[in-house]
Protein backbone atom coordinates (compact mmCIF):
# COMPACT_ATOMS: atom_id res chain seq x y z
CA UNK A 1 0.12 -0.25 -0.05
CA UNK A 2 1.32 3.66 -0.73
CA UNK A 3 1.61 6.45 0.74
CA UNK A 4 -0.43 9.46 1.07
CA UNK A 5 0.74 12.36 -0.22
CA UNK A 6 -2.36 14.39 -0.50
CA UNK A 7 -0.93 15.13 -3.87
CA UNK A 8 -4.25 16.74 -5.02
CA UNK A 9 -3.81 19.22 -2.78
CA UNK A 10 -0.31 20.25 -2.49
CA UNK A 11 -0.04 20.35 -6.77
CA UNK A 12 -2.97 23.05 -6.01
CA UNK A 13 -1.09 25.40 -3.33
CA UNK A 14 1.91 24.81 -6.17
CA UNK A 15 0.07 25.92 -8.85
CA UNK A 16 -1.28 28.82 -7.35
CA UNK A 17 1.65 30.31 -5.83
CA UNK A 18 3.83 29.36 -9.34
CA UNK A 19 1.02 31.50 -11.12
CA UNK A 20 1.75 34.33 -8.35
CA UNK A 21 4.87 34.18 -9.76
CA UNK A 22 5.06 34.56 -13.24
CA UNK A 23 6.62 36.71 -14.89
CA UNK A 24 9.68 36.61 -12.32
CA UNK A 25 13.18 35.78 -13.63
CA UNK A 26 14.37 32.00 -13.39
CA UNK A 27 13.66 29.44 -11.41
CA UNK A 28 11.70 32.18 -8.53
CA UNK A 29 9.10 31.64 -11.98
CA UNK A 30 9.71 27.61 -12.68
CA UNK A 31 9.98 26.09 -9.02
CA UNK A 32 7.78 26.07 -6.19
CA UNK A 33 10.15 26.54 -3.47
CA UNK A 34 11.77 29.49 -5.07
CA UNK A 35 9.03 31.10 -6.19
CA UNK A 36 7.29 30.75 -2.96
CA UNK A 37 9.65 32.69 -1.34
CA UNK A 38 9.81 35.59 -4.31
CA UNK A 39 6.14 35.78 -3.65
CA UNK A 40 6.00 36.18 -0.24
CA UNK A 41 8.74 38.94 0.00
CA UNK A 42 7.10 40.86 -2.91
CA UNK A 43 3.44 40.39 -0.68
CA UNK A 44 5.36 42.32 2.30
CA UNK A 45 7.04 44.22 -0.22
CA UNK A 46 3.30 45.51 -1.24
CA UNK A 47 2.13 45.66 2.23
CA UNK A 48 5.00 48.53 3.27
CA UNK A 49 4.15 50.63 -0.22
CA UNK A 50 0.34 50.52 0.77
CA UNK A 51 1.27 52.58 3.50
CA UNK A 52 4.03 54.30 2.24
CA UNK A 53 1.83 55.59 -0.61
CA UNK A 54 -0.05 57.53 2.02
CA UNK A 55 2.28 59.01 3.33
CA UNK A 56 3.76 60.32 -0.22
CA UNK A 57 0.48 61.23 -1.05
CA UNK A 58 0.26 63.81 2.18
CA UNK A 59 4.00 65.52 1.78
CA UNK A 60 2.69 65.87 -1.73
CA UNK A 61 -0.24 67.64 -0.62
CA UNK A 62 2.13 69.62 2.07
CA UNK A 63 4.47 70.75 -1.17
CA UNK A 64 1.47 72.31 -2.92
CA UNK A 65 -0.04 74.08 0.27
CA UNK A 66 3.12 75.29 1.11
CA UNK A 67 3.82 76.70 -2.25
CA UNK A 68 0.26 78.22 -2.81
CA UNK A 69 0.39 79.92 0.83
CA UNK A 70 3.35 81.00 -0.25
CA UNK A 71 1.96 82.94 -3.04
CA UNK A 72 -1.27 84.23 -1.01
CA UNK A 73 2.09 85.43 1.22
CA UNK A 74 1.73 83.42 4.07
CA UNK A 75 4.26 80.51 5.39
CA UNK A 76 2.50 77.14 5.10
CA UNK A 77 3.23 76.69 8.94
CA UNK A 78 1.58 80.10 9.97
CA UNK A 79 -1.55 79.21 7.48
CA UNK A 80 -2.17 76.16 9.11
CA UNK A 81 -1.71 77.80 12.62
CA UNK A 82 -4.30 80.29 11.59
CA UNK A 83 -6.91 77.36 10.66
CA UNK A 84 -6.73 75.72 13.70
CA UNK A 85 -6.76 79.26 15.42
CA UNK A 86 -10.17 79.94 13.33
CA UNK A 87 -11.72 76.48 13.49
CA UNK A 88 -11.77 75.14 10.28
CA UNK A 89 -11.06 71.56 9.90
CA UNK A 90 -10.39 71.28 6.51
CA UNK A 91 -7.44 68.16 6.00
CA UNK A 92 -4.47 68.82 3.44
CA UNK A 93 -6.01 67.18 0.96
CA UNK A 94 -9.12 69.45 0.58
CA UNK A 95 -6.85 72.63 0.94
CA UNK A 96 -4.33 71.03 -1.41
CA UNK A 97 -7.55 70.79 -4.31
CA UNK A 98 -8.96 74.17 -3.26
CA UNK A 99 -5.32 75.46 -3.79
CA UNK A 100 -5.08 74.15 -7.25
CA UNK A 101 -8.99 74.06 -8.65
CA UNK A 102 -10.25 77.05 -6.77
CA UNK A 103 -7.91 79.95 -6.02
CA UNK A 104 -10.80 82.21 -5.02
CA UNK A 105 -11.55 80.06 -2.41
CA UNK A 106 -8.33 79.16 -0.92
CA UNK A 107 -6.67 83.08 -0.86
CA UNK A 108 -10.42 83.58 1.06
CA UNK A 109 -9.37 80.55 3.88
CA UNK A 110 -5.99 82.30 3.92
CA UNK A 111 -7.64 85.57 4.84
CA UNK A 112 -9.34 83.64 7.56
CA UNK A 113 -6.24 82.85 8.62
CA UNK A 114 -4.56 85.28 9.00
CA UNK A 115 -8.02 87.31 10.41
CA UNK A 116 -7.08 84.61 13.53
CA UNK A 117 -3.94 84.69 13.70
CA UNK A 118 -3.99 88.69 14.57
CA UNK A 119 -6.52 88.10 17.55
CA UNK A 120 -4.45 85.48 18.91
CA UNK A 121 -1.49 87.88 18.74
CA UNK A 122 -4.42 90.39 20.12
CA UNK A 123 -5.26 88.02 22.99
CA UNK A 124 -1.67 87.13 23.80
């Protein structure tokens, strides 16, 4: 009597991993042992990159806001401080979009931030 190897399930698992590794260079796309390792690394990198993408986007919004603020005659940090003082709770994504698409609305926000800074300084 032959030993049980669970061959159909093993083959299915191997084929699945090799399908994910399609396009990899050399043994990593042909042999299960190396493909499994390559696919696991690829998934780790993808997981990390999904989080890094969020940080990169936030950095881009801040750079755009800084440029728009400087054009309006205020620094980015003072602008954000003024928005906080004026209780305006817009996030950087929305502010960046406003700065690009609607300059009039963005300049109104800059004015509100400057006014809030002046009243904050007067209180102190």
